[in-house]
Amino acid sequence: MSESWNKRTQAVHGGIRRSQYNEVSESIFLTQGFVYDTAEQAEARFIETGPDEFIYARYGNPTVSMFEQRIAALEGAEDAFATASGMAAVNAALTAMLQAGDHVVSAKALFGSCLFILENILTRFGVEVTFVDGTDLEQWRAAIRPDTKAVFFESMSNPTLEVIDISAVAALAHAVGATVIVDNVFSTPVFSRAIEQGADVVVYSATKHIDGQGRALGGVILGTQDFIRGTVEPYLKHTGGALSPFNAWIMLKGLETMSLRVNAQAETAQQVAEALEGHEALERTLYPGLASHAQNALVQTQLGGKGGTVLSLDIKGGKRGAFSFLNALTIPVISNNLGDAKSIATHPATTTHQRLSDEQKDTLGITPGLVRLSIGLEDAGDLLSDIRQALAVSQA
């Protein structure tokens, strides 16, 4: 494997581990445990394992290791640990490094479950959390203290698609020695260069674009070898958030086509957003690739001008208008995933973010009329025609 390979090549060939049969497609090592030739070998392996030595599937597995090595090469990270879900990755990235008395600064625009970990779980165990407007560098500067242990944010927020300046926030955090943890799902491994831009730890829900076809749950934490093996691995080995070998194999297969899928989806999302901006049925069209987006200039430098695969539409008529729109769609399905080959429509206020108070929703811009659209691989013209007819129904 060459470190000079382009991302698309890394996504196909990175981390290959072949058995004695030299198979083309990666093998699924569907096993819980591993056999030792002698008692002495078992003892030695529990003291220290090599790159081709495994103990128990909760600790590591050849198929899972292939996925970890491939996504690490793709992301430009030293190492990775795969988890059972994206939320297992977020939880472990934070919890493994924090203890009572630590201080965390976080963007307040977060997925509901991420917010729950920060507001309810970490604080329960004595971690102090300060929330800021992630797009306001002055708020980050004011909140980060000499004793701040970590900062956490979604590089592109869910569902209002705010884009946070990774390099600028990282510079503020690193000035006090804080660890920068970035949930990078919406930016995708295809468009993001988060580690190069200053992130210390990057988290993905592999359930989204990495699988890309709605089949399996998975997550991954990426960072330095010291952080992954010294901090994250002991926590996950003993708390059980490991990725299954079969799901790891699905993620490996997903990585092979991810660049093709994500680029096609982002191209369609751009077309749809441009065509719908200013539509009479809409209060707002939110898409980072639009020139009107508040962080569009940052998108050019941080994401290579790519606005991602998701857009949000704020439909006139509030919840009634949004529900009428959703029920009139014939191509996008109503669900709560994203990054799928199928276009998916979600009403965040009543699903993914329903646990937030009305005040929190108002602060984050999650209005009753907001619909999140994850763009799939369908024809752009077909999608636009369907969305337009559903918008007409929403205002009838």
Foldseek 3Di string as FASTA:
>chain_A
DDLPDALLVLLQDFLADDDPVPDPAHDQPQDFADDDPDPVRLVVVVVDNDPPDDGGVLQHDSLLRSLFRSLCSLQVFATKAKFQALLVQLLLLPVLPDAAPAEEEEELQAFQSSVCCVPPVVVVRHYHYHYDNQADLVRLLVRDDLRHAAYEYECAGPPQGDHHQLLSSLVSQVVSPHAYEYADAQLDSQQANNVVSRHQKYKYFCCALLLQANDHTMMMIGHYPCCCVVGRSVVSSVVRRHHRSVVSSSSSVSSNCSNVWWVLLQVLVVVLLVVCQPPPQFPGKRWLLDPPHPCVVVCCVGRVSGRGRKIKTQGPPFLLLQVLLQVQFDFAHDDPGANHQGKYKYQCCVPRPVVDDPVSCVVNVSTSRMMMIGGHNDDSVVRNVRSVVSSVRSVD
